[in-house]
């Protein structure tokens, strides 16, 4: 007979926190990259 061990809630919370932080960091990097490219494009248009 197999026994399925459930992860301790604190381990689940720690894993969730780590994954959430990773996703938010990636989103922030993408947002900043988009904002930087948008500003550069705007500067090129205003300089012309």
PDB file of N, CA and C in Angstrom:
ATOM      1  N   UNK A   1       0.843  -1.175   0.000  1.00  0.00           N
ATOM      2  CA  UNK A   1       0.000   0.000   0.000  1.00  0.00           C
ATOM      3  C   UNK A   1       0.894   1.246   0.000  1.00  0.00           C
ATOM      4  N   UNK A   2       0.571   2.151  -0.895  1.00  0.00           N
ATOM      5  CA  UNK A   2       1.334   3.384  -0.997  1.00  0.00           C
ATOM      6  C   UNK A   2       0.747   4.442  -0.075  1.00  0.00           C
ATOM      7  N   UNK A   3       1.623   5.209   0.489  1.00  0.00           N
ATOM      8  CA  UNK A   3       1.140   6.330   1.290  1.00  0.00           C
ATOM      9  C   UNK A   3       1.585   7.613   0.618  1.00  0.00           C
ATOM     10  N   UNK A   4       0.665   8.490   0.417  1.00  0.00           N
ATOM     11  CA  UNK A   4       0.982   9.784  -0.178  1.00  0.00           C
ATOM     12  C   UNK A   4       1.209  10.783   0.943  1.00  0.00           C
ATOM     13  N   UNK A   5       2.415  11.310   0.974  1.00  0.00           N
ATOM     14  CA  UNK A   5       2.731  12.297   2.007  1.00  0.00           C
ATOM     15  C   UNK A   5       2.446  13.682   1.456  1.00  0.00           C
ATOM     16  N   UNK A   6       1.725  14.430   2.216  1.00  0.00           N
ATOM     17  CA  UNK A   6       1.447  15.803   1.825  1.00  0.00           C
ATOM     18  C   UNK A   6       2.586  16.687   2.320  1.00  0.00           C
ATOM     19  N   UNK A   7       2.906  17.677   1.507  1.00  0.00           N
ATOM     20  CA  UNK A   7       3.944  18.618   1.911  1.00  0.00           C
ATOM     21  C   UNK A   7       3.430  19.473   3.067  1.00  0.00           C
ATOM     22  N   UNK A   8       4.323  19.839   3.916  1.00  0.00           N
ATOM     23  CA  UNK A   8       3.953  20.699   5.041  1.00  0.00           C
ATOM     24  C   UNK A   8       3.501  22.057   4.501  1.00  0.00           C
ATOM     25  N   UNK A   9       2.506  22.658   5.123  1.00  0.00           N
ATOM     26  CA  UNK A   9       2.019  23.955   4.642  1.00  0.00           C
ATOM     27  C   UNK A   9       3.122  25.006   4.542  1.00  0.00           C
ATOM     28  N   UNK A  10       4.048  24.997   5.471  1.00  0.00           N
ATOM     29  CA  UNK A  10       5.104  26.002   5.418  1.00  0.00           C
ATOM     30  C   UNK A  10       5.981  25.811   4.180  1.00  0.00           C
ATOM     31  N   UNK A  11       6.198  24.562   3.777  1.00  0.00           N
ATOM     32  CA  UNK A  11       6.979  24.306   2.564  1.00  0.00           C
ATOM     33  C   UNK A  11       6.208  24.750   1.330  1.00  0.00           C
ATOM     34  N   UNK A  12       4.902  24.507   1.340  1.00  0.00           N
ATOM     35  CA  UNK A  12       4.081  24.943   0.211  1.00  0.00           C
ATOM     36  C   UNK A  12       4.063  26.463   0.096  1.00  0.00           C
ATOM     37  N   UNK A  13       3.947  27.126   1.219  1.00  0.00           N
ATOM     38  CA  UNK A  13       3.935  28.585   1.219  1.00  0.00           C
ATOM     39  C   UNK A  13       5.280  29.124   0.740  1.00  0.00           C
ATOM     40  N   UNK A  14       6.351  28.533   1.189  1.00  0.00           N
ATOM     41  CA  UNK A  14       7.679  28.976   0.765  1.00  0.00           C
ATOM     42  C   UNK A  14       7.860  28.778  -0.737  1.00  0.00           C
ATOM     43  N   UNK A  15       7.407  27.643  -1.245  1.00  0.00           N
ATOM     44  CA  UNK A  15       7.518  27.384  -2.691  1.00  0.00           C
ATOM     45  C   UNK A  15       6.660  28.370  -3.478  1.00  0.00           C
ATOM     46  N   UNK A  16       5.444  28.600  -3.028  1.00  0.00           N
ATOM     47  CA  UNK A  16       4.561  29.559  -3.688  1.00  0.00           C
ATOM     48  C   UNK A  16       5.188  30.946  -3.690  1.00  0.00           C
ATOM     49  N   UNK A  17       5.745  31.350  -2.567  1.00  0.00           N
ATOM     50  CA  UNK A  17       6.375  32.658  -2.448  1.00  0.00           C
ATOM     51  C   UNK A  17       7.539  32.787  -3.422  1.00  0.00           C
ATOM     52  N   UNK A  18       8.348  31.746  -3.527  1.00  0.00           N
ATOM     53  CA  UNK A  18       9.492  31.759  -4.437  1.00  0.00           C
ATOM     54  C   UNK A  18       9.033  31.873  -5.888  1.00  0.00           C
ATOM     55  N   UNK A  19       8.043  31.074  -6.253  1.00  0.00           N
ATOM     56  CA  UNK A  19       7.545  31.110  -7.629  1.00  0.00           C
ATOM     57  C   UNK A  19       6.879  32.446  -7.951  1.00  0.00           C
ATOM     58  N   UNK A  20       6.131  32.978  -7.013  1.00  0.00           N
ATOM     59  CA  UNK A  20       5.478  34.263  -7.226  1.00  0.00           C
ATOM     60  C   UNK A  20       6.509  35.368  -7.412  1.00  0.00           C
ATOM     61  N   UNK A  21       7.526  35.373  -6.587  1.00  0.00           N
ATOM     62  CA  UNK A  21       8.584  36.370  -6.714  1.00  0.00           C
ATOM     63  C   UNK A  21       9.275  36.258  -8.068  1.00  0.00           C
ATOM     64  N   UNK A  22       9.506  35.042  -8.523  1.00  0.00           N
ATOM     65  CA  UNK A  22      10.148  34.820  -9.815  1.00  0.00           C
ATOM     66  C   UNK A  22       9.276  35.364 -10.959  1.00  0.00           C
ATOM     67  N   UNK A  23       7.993  35.084 -10.916  1.00  0.00           N
ATOM     68  CA  UNK A  23       7.084  35.563 -11.959  1.00  0.00           C
ATOM     69  C   UNK A  23       7.010  37.089 -11.953  1.00  0.00           C
ATOM     70  N   UNK A  24       6.893  37.673 -10.777  1.00  0.00           N
ATOM     71  CA  UNK A  24       6.814  39.129 -10.684  1.00  0.00           C
ATOM     72  C   UNK A  24       8.099  39.795 -11.162  1.00  0.00           C
ATOM     73  N   UNK A  25       9.240  39.201 -10.860  1.00  0.00           N
ATOM     74  CA  UNK A  25      10.519  39.741 -11.308  1.00  0.00           C
ATOM     75  C   UNK A  25      10.614  39.710 -12.830  1.00  0.00           C
ATOM     76  N   UNK A  26      10.208  38.602 -13.436  1.00  0.00           N
ATOM     77  CA  UNK A  26      10.229  38.497 -14.894  1.00  0.00           C
ATOM     78  C   UNK A  26       9.288  39.521 -15.527  1.00  0.00           C
ATOM     79  N   UNK A  27       8.113  39.690 -14.950  1.00  0.00           N
ATOM     80  CA  UNK A  27       7.164  40.672 -15.469  1.00  0.00           C
ATOM     81  C   UNK A  27       7.712  42.089 -15.348  1.00  0.00           C
ATOM     82  N   UNK A  28       8.349  42.398 -14.248  1.00  0.00           N
ATOM     83  CA  UNK A  28       8.922  43.726 -14.056  1.00  0.00           C
ATOM     84  C   UNK A  28      10.028  43.989 -15.067  1.00  0.00           C
ATOM     85  N   UNK A  29      10.877  42.997 -15.306  1.00  0.00           N
ATOM     86  CA  UNK A  29      11.938  43.153 -16.312  1.00  0.00           C
ATOM     87  C   UNK A  29      11.344  43.406 -17.693  1.00  0.00           C
ATOM     88  N   UNK A  30      10.306  42.663 -18.051  1.00  0.00           N
ATOM     89  CA  UNK A  30       9.655  42.842 -19.353  1.00  0.00           C
ATOM     90  C   UNK A  30       9.016  44.226 -19.445  1.00  0.00           C
ATOM     91  N   UNK A  31       8.384  44.667 -18.372  1.00  0.00           N
ATOM     92  CA  UNK A  31       7.754  45.986 -18.346  1.00  0.00           C
ATOM     93  C   UNK A  31       8.792  47.088 -18.508  1.00  0.00           C
ATOM     94  N   UNK A  32       9.892  46.974 -17.783  1.00  0.00           N
ATOM     95  CA  UNK A  32      10.947  47.985 -17.888  1.00  0.00           C
ATOM     96  C   UNK A  32      11.554  48.009 -19.282  1.00  0.00           C
ATOM     97  N   UNK A  33      11.762  46.849 -19.873  1.00  0.00           N
ATOM     98  CA  UNK A  33      12.318  46.784 -21.226  1.00  0.00           C
ATOM     99  C   UNK A  33      11.368  47.448 -22.218  1.00  0.00           C
ATOM    100  N   UNK A  34      10.083  47.220 -22.043  1.00  0.00           N
ATOM    101  CA  UNK A  34       9.090  47.825 -22.936  1.00  0.00           C
ATOM    102  C   UNK A  34       9.066  49.337 -22.754  1.00  0.00           C
ATOM    103  N   UNK A  35       9.122  49.799 -21.518  1.00  0.00           N
ATOM    104  CA  UNK A  35       9.103  51.234 -21.252  1.00  0.00           C
ATOM    105  C   UNK A  35      10.344  51.912 -21.819  1.00  0.00           C
ATOM    106  N   UNK A  36      11.497  51.267 -21.704  1.00  0.00           N
ATOM    107  CA  UNK A  36      12.741  51.828 -22.215  1.00  0.00           C
ATOM    108  C   UNK A  36      12.681  51.942 -23.731  1.00  0.00           C
ATOM    109  N   UNK A  37      12.210  50.904 -24.407  1.00  0.00           N
ATOM    110  CA  UNK A  37      12.131  50.938 -25.866  1.00  0.00           C
ATOM    111  C   UNK A  37      11.099  51.959 -26.329  1.00  0.00           C
ATOM    112  N   UNK A  38      10.024  52.135 -25.579  1.00  0.00           N
ATOM    113  CA  UNK A  38       9.003  53.119 -25.933  1.00  0.00           C
ATOM    114  C   UNK A  38       9.566  54.530 -25.792  1.00  0.00           C
ATOM    115  N   UNK A  39      10.312  54.777 -24.741  1.00  0.00           N
ATOM    116  CA  UNK A  39      10.914  56.102 -24.542  1.00  0.00           C
ATOM    117  C   UNK A  39      11.918  56.412 -25.641  1.00  0.00           C
ATOM    118  N   UNK A  40      12.754  55.426 -25.994  1.00  0.00           N
ATOM    119  CA  UNK A  40      13.749  55.636 -27.045  1.00  0.00           C
ATOM    120  C   UNK A  40      13.067  55.934 -28.376  1.00  0.00           C
ATOM    121  N   UNK A  41      12.000  55.232 -28.683  1.00  0.00           N
ATOM    122  CA  UNK A  41      11.268  55.467 -29.925  1.00  0.00           C
ATOM    123  C   UNK A  41      10.663  56.869 -29.906  1.00  0.00           C
ATOM    124  N   UNK A  42      10.140  57.290 -28.776  1.00  0.00           N
ATOM    125  CA  UNK A  42       9.572  58.622 -28.648  1.00  0.00           C
ATOM    126  C   UNK A  42      10.623  59.705 -28.804  1.00  0.00           C
ATOM    127  N   UNK A  43      11.807  59.479 -28.287  1.00  0.00           N
ATOM    128  CA  UNK A  43      12.889  60.448 -28.412  1.00  0.00           C
ATOM    129  C   UNK A  43      13.321  60.580 -29.866  1.00  0.00           C
ATOM    130  N   UNK A  44      13.371  59.475 -30.588  1.00  0.00           N
ATOM    131  CA  UNK A  44      13.761  59.520 -31.993  1.00  0.00           C
ATOM    132  C   UNK A  44      12.718  60.280 -32.810  1.00  0.00           C
ATOM    133  N   UNK A  45      11.457  60.101 -32.487  1.00  0.00           N
ATOM    134  CA  UNK A  45      10.407  60.796 -33.216  1.00  0.00           C
ATOM    135  C   UNK A  45      10.417  62.288 -32.910  1.00  0.00           C
ATOM    136  N   UNK A  46      10.652  62.662 -31.666  1.00  0.00           N
ATOM    137  CA  UNK A  46      10.640  64.074 -31.304  1.00  0.00           C
ATOM    138  C   UNK A  46      11.889  64.793 -31.811  1.00  0.00           C
ATOM    139  N   UNK A  47      12.983  64.073 -32.001  1.00  0.00           N
ATOM    140  CA  UNK A  47      14.214  64.680 -32.498  1.00  0.00           C
ATOM    141  C   UNK A  47      14.134  64.922 -34.001  1.00  0.00           C
ATOM    142  N   UNK A  48      13.279  64.200 -34.685  1.00  0.00           N
ATOM    143  CA  UNK A  48      13.203  64.316 -36.152  1.00  0.00           C
ATOM    144  C   UNK A  48      12.388  65.482 -36.593  1.00  0.00           C
TER     145      UNK A  48
END
